[in-house]
Amino acid sequence: GLVSKNVFSFYLARDTSSSKGGELILGGSDSSYYKGSLTYVPVSEQGYWQFSLGGATLGGKTLCSNGCQAIADTGTSLIIAPLSAYNKFANIVNSDSDGYVDCSLISSLGDIEFVISGKSFAVPASQYIIQEDSETCYSAISYIGTDFWILGDIFLGLYYSEFDMGNNRIGFAPVA
């Protein structure tokens, strides 16, 4: 009874020049942090806030098809992919065994698009390839042994997230 609704939400501040920091809101959401309306997806498995993706693509090439699973996790910095999706991704971006990528490729790589409840949520190459300096770039997509995607801070910094416990769903919207 301490919060108004069984909802919590996250705004992760990624703009280092902004005076606004990130925010965890207990009991609701703040629509000033996002554009449009939230797109909701039902939780498919309790425990991890797991949900079904309608698919994931990179530059039009399929990384996973309808029914692949994902979780949204503010405790994970990167995006974690299942093995088959990771291998497809690494092949497309031509990363070496340590995840390093040729920096000159960033401008030619397409967006990774995650389909959630029929809507596409894009992550541009400038986010999924981390450029340390003019010659050192590495992938922000990794594999750690899961059979589902983990949409960490790379994704959640682009999309406001609402975890609706009362309706067993998660909502996403582009940050404002």
N, C-alpha and C. Protein backbone atom coordinates (compact mmCIF):
# COMPACT_ATOMS: atom_id res chain seq x y z
N GLY A 1 0.79 -1.20 0.00
CA GLY A 1 0.00 0.00 0.00
C GLY A 1 0.84 1.26 0.00
N LEU A 2 2.15 1.17 -0.15
CA LEU A 2 2.99 2.36 -0.12
C LEU A 2 3.11 3.05 -1.48
N VAL A 3 2.79 2.34 -2.55
CA VAL A 3 2.83 2.95 -3.88
C VAL A 3 1.44 2.89 -4.51
N SER A 4 1.15 3.83 -5.39
CA SER A 4 -0.20 3.97 -5.94
C SER A 4 -0.60 2.84 -6.90
N LYS A 5 0.33 2.32 -7.68
CA LYS A 5 0.04 1.24 -8.62
C LYS A 5 1.16 0.21 -8.56
N ASN A 6 0.85 -1.02 -8.97
CA ASN A 6 1.85 -2.09 -9.01
C ASN A 6 2.69 -1.97 -10.27
N VAL A 7 3.37 -0.84 -10.41
CA VAL A 7 4.16 -0.52 -11.59
C VAL A 7 5.46 0.12 -11.13
N PHE A 8 6.53 -0.19 -11.83
CA PHE A 8 7.76 0.59 -11.67
C PHE A 8 8.32 0.82 -13.06
N SER A 9 9.08 1.89 -13.20
CA SER A 9 9.59 2.24 -14.53
C SER A 9 10.98 2.82 -14.43
N PHE A 10 11.68 2.79 -15.58
CA PHE A 10 13.05 3.27 -15.64
C PHE A 10 13.25 4.24 -16.80
N TYR A 11 13.96 5.31 -16.48
CA TYR A 11 14.52 6.19 -17.49
C TYR A 11 16.02 6.15 -17.25
N LEU A 12 16.78 5.68 -18.23
CA LEU A 12 18.23 5.64 -18.11
C LEU A 12 18.81 6.80 -18.91
N ALA A 13 19.43 7.73 -18.23
CA ALA A 13 19.99 8.90 -18.89
C ALA A 13 21.26 8.49 -19.63
N ARG A 14 21.29 8.71 -20.94
CA ARG A 14 22.46 8.39 -21.74
C ARG A 14 23.14 9.64 -22.27
N ASP A 15 22.45 10.77 -22.21
CA ASP A 15 22.99 12.04 -22.69
C ASP A 15 23.82 12.67 -21.57
N THR A 16 25.13 12.56 -21.68
CA THR A 16 26.00 13.06 -20.61
C THR A 16 26.00 14.58 -20.49
N SER A 17 25.49 15.27 -21.51
CA SER A 17 25.43 16.73 -21.44
C SER A 17 24.15 17.22 -20.76
N SER A 18 23.21 16.31 -20.51
CA SER A 18 21.93 16.69 -19.91
C SER A 18 22.08 16.87 -18.40
N SER A 19 21.29 17.77 -17.84
CA SER A 19 21.29 17.96 -16.39
C SER A 19 20.39 16.92 -15.70
N LYS A 20 19.56 16.22 -16.50
CA LYS A 20 18.69 15.18 -15.94
C LYS A 20 19.47 13.90 -15.77
N GLY A 21 19.32 13.28 -14.63
CA GLY A 21 19.91 11.97 -14.43
C GLY A 21 18.90 10.89 -14.73
N GLY A 22 19.26 9.66 -14.56
CA GLY A 22 18.32 8.57 -14.72
C GLY A 22 17.35 8.54 -13.56
N GLU A 23 16.28 7.77 -13.72
CA GLU A 23 15.28 7.73 -12.66
C GLU A 23 14.57 6.39 -12.63
N LEU A 24 14.37 5.89 -11.41
CA LEU A 24 13.52 4.74 -11.14
C LEU A 24 12.27 5.31 -10.48
N ILE A 25 11.12 5.01 -11.04
CA ILE A 25 9.87 5.51 -10.49
C ILE A 25 9.09 4.32 -9.94
N LEU A 26 8.74 4.37 -8.70
CA LEU A 26 7.93 3.33 -8.07
C LEU A 26 6.48 3.80 -8.04
N GLY A 27 5.58 2.98 -8.54
CA GLY A 27 4.16 3.30 -8.52
C GLY A 27 3.64 3.95 -9.78
N GLY A 28 4.44 4.05 -10.83
CA GLY A 28 3.95 4.65 -12.05
C GLY A 28 5.03 4.93 -13.07
N SER A 29 4.73 5.84 -13.98
CA SER A 29 5.63 6.24 -15.06
C SER A 29 5.59 7.75 -15.19
N ASP A 30 6.59 8.29 -15.88
CA ASP A 30 6.62 9.72 -16.15
C ASP A 30 6.69 9.91 -17.66
N SER A 31 5.56 10.31 -18.25
CA SER A 31 5.48 10.43 -19.71
C SER A 31 6.36 11.54 -20.27
N SER A 32 6.91 12.40 -19.42
CA SER A 32 7.82 13.44 -19.93
C SER A 32 9.16 12.83 -20.37
N TYR A 33 9.43 11.60 -19.98
CA TYR A 33 10.66 10.93 -20.35
C TYR A 33 10.57 10.17 -21.67
N TYR A 34 9.36 10.03 -22.23
CA TYR A 34 9.25 9.28 -23.47
C TYR A 34 8.31 9.95 -24.47
N LYS A 35 8.48 9.53 -25.74
CA LYS A 35 7.66 10.06 -26.84
C LYS A 35 6.56 9.07 -27.18
N GLY A 36 5.38 9.59 -27.49
CA GLY A 36 4.27 8.71 -27.89
C GLY A 36 3.72 7.95 -26.71
N SER A 37 3.26 6.75 -27.01
CA SER A 37 2.69 5.91 -25.96
C SER A 37 3.53 4.65 -25.79
N LEU A 38 3.35 4.01 -24.66
CA LEU A 38 4.07 2.77 -24.39
C LEU A 38 3.49 1.63 -25.23
N THR A 39 4.36 0.79 -25.74
CA THR A 39 3.96 -0.44 -26.43
C THR A 39 4.14 -1.57 -25.42
N TYR A 40 3.05 -2.26 -25.12
CA TYR A 40 3.09 -3.30 -24.09
C TYR A 40 3.22 -4.69 -24.70
N VAL A 41 3.93 -5.53 -23.99
CA VAL A 41 4.08 -6.94 -24.35
C VAL A 41 3.84 -7.76 -23.08
N PRO A 42 3.05 -8.85 -23.18
CA PRO A 42 2.81 -9.66 -21.99
C PRO A 42 4.07 -10.42 -21.56
N VAL A 43 4.19 -10.62 -20.27
CA VAL A 43 5.28 -11.43 -19.74
C VAL A 43 4.98 -12.89 -20.10
N SER A 44 5.95 -13.56 -20.72
CA SER A 44 5.74 -14.95 -21.15
C SER A 44 6.21 -15.95 -20.10
N GLU A 45 7.11 -15.51 -19.24
CA GLU A 45 7.59 -16.39 -18.18
C GLU A 45 7.95 -15.53 -16.96
N GLN A 46 7.40 -15.91 -15.83
CA GLN A 46 7.66 -15.17 -14.60
C GLN A 46 9.11 -15.37 -14.15
N GLY A 47 9.61 -14.44 -13.40
CA GLY A 47 10.94 -14.56 -12.82
C GLY A 47 11.93 -13.58 -13.40
N TYR A 48 12.00 -13.49 -14.72
CA TYR A 48 12.94 -12.59 -15.37
C TYR A 48 12.25 -11.47 -16.13
N TRP A 49 10.95 -11.32 -16.02
CA TRP A 49 10.22 -10.40 -16.88
C TRP A 49 10.47 -10.77 -18.34
N GLN A 50 10.37 -12.04 -18.63
CA GLN A 50 10.64 -12.56 -19.96
C GLN A 50 9.44 -12.34 -20.87
N PHE A 51 9.72 -12.04 -22.15
CA PHE A 51 8.66 -11.80 -23.11
C PHE A 51 9.08 -12.32 -24.48
N SER A 52 8.09 -12.49 -25.36
CA SER A 52 8.35 -12.98 -26.72
C SER A 52 8.65 -11.82 -27.66
N LEU A 53 9.66 -12.01 -28.48
CA LEU A 53 9.96 -11.07 -29.55
C LEU A 53 9.28 -11.56 -30.82
N GLY A 54 8.85 -10.62 -31.63
CA GLY A 54 8.34 -10.97 -32.95
C GLY A 54 9.47 -11.24 -33.92
N GLY A 55 10.70 -11.01 -33.49
CA GLY A 55 11.89 -11.24 -34.30
C GLY A 55 12.94 -10.19 -34.02
N ALA A 56 14.12 -10.42 -34.57
CA ALA A 56 15.22 -9.47 -34.49
C ALA A 56 16.00 -9.55 -35.80
N THR A 57 16.32 -8.39 -36.36
CA THR A 57 17.06 -8.34 -37.61
C THR A 57 18.20 -7.33 -37.51
N LEU A 58 19.18 -7.50 -38.36
CA LEU A 58 20.27 -6.54 -38.50
C LEU A 58 20.41 -6.23 -39.98
N GLY A 59 20.10 -5.00 -40.33
CA GLY A 59 20.18 -4.61 -41.73
C GLY A 59 19.34 -5.49 -42.63
N GLY A 60 18.20 -5.95 -42.13
CA GLY A 60 17.31 -6.79 -42.90
C GLY A 60 17.61 -8.28 -42.83
N LYS A 61 18.73 -8.66 -42.21
CA LYS A 61 19.08 -10.07 -42.07
C LYS A 61 18.57 -10.59 -40.73
N THR A 62 17.92 -11.74 -40.76
CA THR A 62 17.27 -12.29 -39.57
C THR A 62 18.31 -12.79 -38.55
N LEU A 63 18.18 -12.30 -37.33
CA LEU A 63 18.98 -12.80 -36.21
C LEU A 63 18.18 -13.84 -35.42
N CYS A 64 16.88 -13.60 -35.30
CA CYS A 64 15.98 -14.58 -34.73
C CYS A 64 14.59 -14.31 -35.28
N SER A 65 13.78 -15.35 -35.35
CA SER A 65 12.45 -15.19 -35.92
C SER A 65 11.41 -15.14 -34.83
N ASN A 66 10.17 -15.07 -35.23
CA ASN A 66 9.04 -14.94 -34.30
C ASN A 66 9.12 -15.99 -33.19
N GLY A 67 8.92 -15.56 -31.96
CA GLY A 67 8.89 -16.48 -30.84
C GLY A 67 10.17 -16.54 -30.04
N CYS A 68 11.25 -15.89 -30.50
CA CYS A 68 12.44 -15.87 -29.67
C CYS A 68 12.11 -15.06 -28.40
N GLN A 69 12.83 -15.33 -27.36
CA GLN A 69 12.52 -14.75 -26.06
C GLN A 69 13.55 -13.69 -25.68
N ALA A 70 13.11 -12.77 -24.81
CA ALA A 70 14.00 -11.71 -24.33
C ALA A 70 13.60 -11.32 -22.92
N ILE A 71 14.52 -10.68 -22.24
CA ILE A 71 14.23 -10.03 -20.97
C ILE A 71 14.80 -8.61 -21.05
N ALA A 72 14.25 -7.71 -20.28
CA ALA A 72 14.77 -6.35 -20.15
C ALA A 72 15.45 -6.28 -18.79
N ASP A 73 16.72 -5.88 -18.77
CA ASP A 73 17.50 -5.94 -17.53
C ASP A 73 18.39 -4.72 -17.37
N THR A 74 18.06 -3.86 -16.41
CA THR A 74 18.87 -2.67 -16.14
C THR A 74 20.21 -3.03 -15.50
N GLY A 75 20.37 -4.25 -15.05
CA GLY A 75 21.62 -4.68 -14.44
C GLY A 75 22.63 -5.22 -15.45
N THR A 76 22.27 -5.20 -16.73
CA THR A 76 23.16 -5.65 -17.79
C THR A 76 23.49 -4.46 -18.68
N SER A 77 24.75 -4.17 -18.84
CA SER A 77 25.16 -3.00 -19.62
C SER A 77 24.96 -3.19 -21.11
N LEU A 78 25.28 -4.36 -21.62
CA LEU A 78 25.28 -4.62 -23.05
C LEU A 78 23.96 -5.26 -23.49
N ILE A 79 23.94 -5.74 -24.71
CA ILE A 79 22.86 -6.59 -25.19
C ILE A 79 23.45 -7.99 -25.33
N ILE A 80 22.78 -8.95 -24.73
CA ILE A 80 23.24 -10.34 -24.77
C ILE A 80 22.34 -11.10 -25.73
N ALA A 81 22.94 -11.89 -26.61
CA ALA A 81 22.19 -12.64 -27.62
C ALA A 81 22.34 -14.14 -27.38
N PRO A 82 21.34 -14.92 -27.79
CA PRO A 82 21.51 -16.38 -27.82
C PRO A 82 22.61 -16.73 -28.82
N LEU A 83 23.19 -17.91 -28.69
CA LEU A 83 24.36 -18.28 -29.50
C LEU A 83 24.13 -18.15 -31.01
N SER A 84 23.04 -18.69 -31.51
CA SER A 84 22.84 -18.64 -32.97
C SER A 84 22.70 -17.20 -33.46
N ALA A 85 22.00 -16.36 -32.70
CA ALA A 85 21.86 -14.95 -33.08
C ALA A 85 23.19 -14.22 -32.96
N TYR A 86 23.95 -14.54 -31.92
CA TYR A 86 25.26 -13.91 -31.75
C TYR A 86 26.19 -14.25 -32.92
N ASN A 87 26.20 -15.52 -33.31
CA ASN A 87 27.06 -15.93 -34.43
C ASN A 87 26.67 -15.22 -35.72
N LYS A 88 25.37 -15.08 -35.98
CA LYS A 88 24.91 -14.35 -37.16
C LYS A 88 25.34 -12.88 -37.09
N PHE A 89 25.16 -12.27 -35.93
CA PHE A 89 25.56 -10.88 -35.72
C PHE A 89 27.06 -10.71 -35.98
N ALA A 90 27.88 -11.56 -35.35
CA ALA A 90 29.34 -11.46 -35.47
C ALA A 90 29.78 -11.62 -36.92
N ASN A 91 29.10 -12.49 -37.65
CA ASN A 91 29.41 -12.68 -39.07
C ASN A 91 29.08 -11.42 -39.87
N ILE A 92 27.94 -10.80 -39.59
CA ILE A 92 27.52 -9.60 -40.32
C ILE A 92 28.47 -8.43 -40.07
N VAL A 93 28.84 -8.22 -38.79
CA VAL A 93 29.70 -7.07 -38.46
C VAL A 93 31.18 -7.40 -38.59
N ASN A 94 31.48 -8.67 -38.90
CA ASN A 94 32.85 -9.12 -39.12
C ASN A 94 33.74 -8.85 -37.90
N SER A 95 33.22 -9.19 -36.71
CA SER A 95 34.02 -9.00 -35.50
C SER A 95 35.02 -10.13 -35.35
N ASP A 96 36.16 -9.83 -34.71
CA ASP A 96 37.15 -10.88 -34.47
C ASP A 96 36.75 -11.66 -33.22
N SER A 97 37.56 -12.63 -32.82
CA SER A 97 37.21 -13.50 -31.70
C SER A 97 37.12 -12.76 -30.37
N ASP A 98 37.69 -11.57 -30.29
CA ASP A 98 37.60 -10.76 -29.07
C ASP A 98 36.49 -9.71 -29.15
N GLY A 99 35.74 -9.69 -30.25
CA GLY A 99 34.64 -8.76 -30.40
C GLY A 99 35.01 -7.42 -31.03
N TYR A 100 36.26 -7.28 -31.46
CA TYR A 100 36.68 -6.01 -32.08
C TYR A 100 36.15 -5.92 -33.51
N VAL A 101 35.80 -4.70 -33.89
CA VAL A 101 35.19 -4.43 -35.19
C VAL A 101 35.96 -3.29 -35.85
N ASP A 102 36.04 -3.33 -37.17
CA ASP A 102 36.65 -2.25 -37.94
C ASP A 102 35.79 -1.00 -37.79
N CYS A 103 36.34 0.06 -37.21
CA CYS A 103 35.59 1.29 -36.95
C CYS A 103 35.00 1.91 -38.21
N SER A 104 35.63 1.71 -39.33
CA SER A 104 35.13 2.32 -40.58
C SER A 104 33.81 1.70 -41.02
N LEU A 105 33.43 0.57 -40.43
CA LEU A 105 32.18 -0.10 -40.82
C LEU A 105 30.94 0.49 -40.14
N ILE A 106 31.11 1.23 -39.06
CA ILE A 106 29.97 1.69 -38.27
C ILE A 106 28.93 2.41 -39.12
N SER A 107 29.37 3.30 -39.99
CA SER A 107 28.42 4.08 -40.79
C SER A 107 27.68 3.23 -41.82
N SER A 108 28.20 2.06 -42.15
CA SER A 108 27.54 1.22 -43.17
C SER A 108 26.70 0.10 -42.56
N LEU A 109 26.79 -0.10 -41.26
CA LEU A 109 26.01 -1.16 -40.62
C LEU A 109 24.59 -0.67 -40.37
N GLY A 110 23.64 -1.54 -40.56
CA GLY A 110 22.24 -1.18 -40.32
C GLY A 110 21.88 -1.23 -38.85
N ASP A 111 20.64 -0.87 -38.58
CA ASP A 111 20.10 -0.95 -37.22
C ASP A 111 19.79 -2.40 -36.87
N ILE A 112 19.91 -2.73 -35.59
CA ILE A 112 19.30 -3.96 -35.09
C ILE A 112 17.87 -3.58 -34.75
N GLU A 113 16.93 -4.32 -35.27
CA GLU A 113 15.52 -4.04 -35.00
C GLU A 113 14.90 -5.20 -34.25
N PHE A 114 14.40 -4.89 -33.05
CA PHE A 114 13.69 -5.86 -32.23
C PHE A 114 12.20 -5.59 -32.42
N VAL A 115 11.44 -6.61 -32.77
CA VAL A 115 10.00 -6.45 -32.94
C VAL A 115 9.33 -6.88 -31.63
N ILE A 116 8.64 -5.92 -31.03
CA ILE A 116 7.95 -6.14 -29.76
C ILE A 116 6.49 -5.75 -29.96
N SER A 117 5.61 -6.71 -29.77
CA SER A 117 4.16 -6.50 -29.97
C SER A 117 3.87 -5.86 -31.33
N GLY A 118 4.57 -6.33 -32.35
CA GLY A 118 4.33 -5.86 -33.71
C GLY A 118 4.99 -4.55 -34.08
N LYS A 119 5.68 -3.92 -33.14
CA LYS A 119 6.33 -2.64 -33.39
C LYS A 119 7.85 -2.82 -33.37
N SER A 120 8.53 -2.12 -34.27
CA SER A 120 9.98 -2.22 -34.38
C SER A 120 10.68 -1.22 -33.44
N PHE A 121 11.65 -1.71 -32.70
CA PHE A 121 12.48 -0.90 -31.80
C PHE A 121 13.92 -1.01 -32.30
N ALA A 122 14.42 0.07 -32.88
CA ALA A 122 15.73 0.06 -33.54
C ALA A 122 16.85 0.46 -32.58
N VAL A 123 17.97 -0.20 -32.75
CA VAL A 123 19.21 0.14 -32.05
C VAL A 123 20.25 0.39 -33.14
N PRO A 124 20.69 1.65 -33.32
CA PRO A 124 21.65 1.95 -34.39
C PRO A 124 23.05 1.43 -34.08
N ALA A 125 23.83 1.28 -35.15
CA ALA A 125 25.21 0.78 -35.01
C ALA A 125 26.02 1.65 -34.06
N SER A 126 25.74 2.94 -34.01
CA SER A 126 26.47 3.83 -33.10
C SER A 126 26.25 3.47 -31.63
N GLN A 127 25.25 2.66 -31.37
CA GLN A 127 24.98 2.19 -30.01
C GLN A 127 25.49 0.77 -29.77
N TYR A 128 25.33 -0.12 -30.77
CA TYR A 128 25.75 -1.50 -30.55
C TYR A 128 27.22 -1.75 -30.92
N ILE A 129 27.88 -0.76 -31.49
CA ILE A 129 29.34 -0.80 -31.65
C ILE A 129 29.90 0.35 -30.81
N ILE A 130 30.75 0.03 -29.88
CA ILE A 130 31.33 1.03 -28.98
C ILE A 130 32.66 1.49 -29.57
N GLN A 131 32.77 2.79 -29.80
CA GLN A 131 33.99 3.36 -30.37
C GLN A 131 34.80 4.00 -29.24
N GLU A 132 35.88 3.33 -28.88
CA GLU A 132 36.74 3.81 -27.80
C GLU A 132 37.61 4.98 -28.26
N ASP A 133 38.15 4.88 -29.46
CA ASP A 133 38.94 5.95 -30.08
C ASP A 133 38.83 5.77 -31.59
N SER A 134 39.61 6.48 -32.35
CA SER A 134 39.46 6.43 -33.82
C SER A 134 39.81 5.07 -34.42
N GLU A 135 40.54 4.26 -33.68
CA GLU A 135 40.96 2.96 -34.22
C GLU A 135 40.45 1.76 -33.45
N THR A 136 39.82 1.97 -32.31
CA THR A 136 39.41 0.86 -31.46
C THR A 136 37.89 0.83 -31.31
N CYS A 137 37.26 -0.16 -31.90
CA CYS A 137 35.81 -0.33 -31.81
C CYS A 137 35.52 -1.79 -31.44
N TYR A 138 34.51 -1.97 -30.63
CA TYR A 138 34.14 -3.33 -30.26
C TYR A 138 32.63 -3.45 -30.11
N SER A 139 32.18 -4.66 -30.18
CA SER A 139 30.77 -4.96 -30.16
C SER A 139 30.18 -4.83 -28.76
N ALA A 140 28.98 -4.25 -28.68
CA ALA A 140 28.22 -4.18 -27.43
C ALA A 140 27.18 -5.30 -27.39
N ILE A 141 27.32 -6.26 -28.32
CA ILE A 141 26.48 -7.46 -28.33
C ILE A 141 27.39 -8.61 -27.93
N SER A 142 26.93 -9.40 -26.98
CA SER A 142 27.76 -10.48 -26.47
C SER A 142 26.94 -11.75 -26.31
N TYR A 143 27.63 -12.83 -26.01
CA TYR A 143 26.99 -14.12 -25.71
C TYR A 143 27.53 -14.60 -24.39
N ILE A 144 26.63 -15.03 -23.48
CA ILE A 144 27.08 -15.53 -22.17
C ILE A 144 26.44 -16.86 -21.79
N GLY A 145 25.82 -17.55 -22.77
CA GLY A 145 25.26 -18.86 -22.49
C GLY A 145 23.75 -18.90 -22.31
N THR A 146 23.06 -17.79 -22.51
CA THR A 146 21.60 -17.79 -22.39
C THR A 146 20.96 -18.23 -23.70
N ASP A 147 19.73 -18.72 -23.61
CA ASP A 147 18.99 -19.06 -24.82
C ASP A 147 17.94 -17.98 -25.13
N PHE A 148 18.09 -16.81 -24.50
CA PHE A 148 17.21 -15.67 -24.74
C PHE A 148 18.06 -14.41 -24.82
N TRP A 149 17.48 -13.37 -25.41
CA TRP A 149 18.14 -12.07 -25.47
C TRP A 149 18.05 -11.39 -24.11
N ILE A 150 19.07 -10.64 -23.75
CA ILE A 150 19.00 -9.76 -22.59
C ILE A 150 19.18 -8.34 -23.13
N LEU A 151 18.11 -7.58 -23.08
CA LEU A 151 18.15 -6.20 -23.56
C LEU A 151 18.56 -5.32 -22.40
N GLY A 152 19.85 -5.06 -22.33
CA GLY A 152 20.43 -4.28 -21.24
C GLY A 152 20.41 -2.78 -21.53
N ASP A 153 21.34 -2.08 -20.91
CA ASP A 153 21.34 -0.62 -20.94
C ASP A 153 21.51 -0.02 -22.33
N ILE A 154 22.16 -0.74 -23.25
CA ILE A 154 22.27 -0.25 -24.63
C ILE A 154 20.86 -0.04 -25.19
N PHE A 155 19.98 -1.00 -24.97
CA PHE A 155 18.59 -0.90 -25.42
C PHE A 155 17.78 0.03 -24.52
N LEU A 156 17.88 -0.18 -23.21
CA LEU A 156 17.04 0.58 -22.27
C LEU A 156 17.41 2.06 -22.19
N GLY A 157 18.59 2.42 -22.64
CA GLY A 157 18.94 3.84 -22.72
C GLY A 157 18.22 4.54 -23.86
N LEU A 158 17.77 3.77 -24.84
CA LEU A 158 17.02 4.31 -25.97
C LEU A 158 15.51 4.26 -25.75
N TYR A 159 15.08 3.33 -24.89
CA TYR A 159 13.65 3.09 -24.70
C TYR A 159 13.28 3.08 -23.21
N TYR A 160 12.37 3.99 -22.88
CA TYR A 160 11.80 4.03 -21.53
C TYR A 160 11.12 2.69 -21.27
N SER A 161 11.19 2.19 -20.06
CA SER A 161 10.60 0.89 -19.77
C SER A 161 9.70 0.97 -18.54
N GLU A 162 8.54 0.35 -18.66
CA GLU A 162 7.59 0.27 -17.56
C GLU A 162 7.29 -1.19 -17.28
N PHE A 163 7.46 -1.60 -16.04
CA PHE A 163 7.21 -2.96 -15.61
C PHE A 163 5.90 -2.96 -14.83
N ASP A 164 4.86 -3.47 -15.46
CA ASP A 164 3.51 -3.42 -14.92
C ASP A 164 3.17 -4.76 -14.27
N MET A 165 3.40 -4.84 -12.96
CA MET A 165 3.17 -6.08 -12.22
C MET A 165 1.68 -6.41 -12.16
N GLY A 166 0.84 -5.39 -12.06
CA GLY A 166 -0.60 -5.60 -11.94
C GLY A 166 -1.21 -6.24 -13.17
N ASN A 167 -0.66 -5.96 -14.35
CA ASN A 167 -1.18 -6.50 -15.60
C ASN A 167 -0.23 -7.49 -16.27
N ASN A 168 0.86 -7.85 -15.58
CA ASN A 168 1.82 -8.85 -16.05
C ASN A 168 2.33 -8.53 -17.45
N ARG A 169 2.84 -7.31 -17.59
CA ARG A 169 3.32 -6.85 -18.90
C ARG A 169 4.45 -5.84 -18.74
N ILE A 170 5.15 -5.60 -19.85
CA ILE A 170 6.21 -4.60 -19.90
C ILE A 170 5.88 -3.65 -21.02
N GLY A 171 6.11 -2.35 -20.80
CA GLY A 171 5.89 -1.34 -21.84
C GLY A 171 7.18 -0.65 -22.21
N PHE A 172 7.32 -0.32 -23.48
CA PHE A 172 8.49 0.38 -23.99
C PHE A 172 8.05 1.55 -24.85
N ALA A 173 8.81 2.66 -24.79
CA ALA A 173 8.58 3.80 -25.67
C ALA A 173 9.91 4.51 -25.87
N PRO A 174 10.11 5.14 -27.04
CA PRO A 174 11.36 5.88 -27.28
C PRO A 174 11.53 7.00 -26.25
N VAL A 175 12.76 7.16 -25.77
CA VAL A 175 13.01 8.25 -24.81
C VAL A 175 12.84 9.59 -25.51
N ALA A 176 12.40 10.57 -24.72
CA ALA A 176 12.16 11.92 -25.25
C ALA A 176 13.47 12.66 -25.43
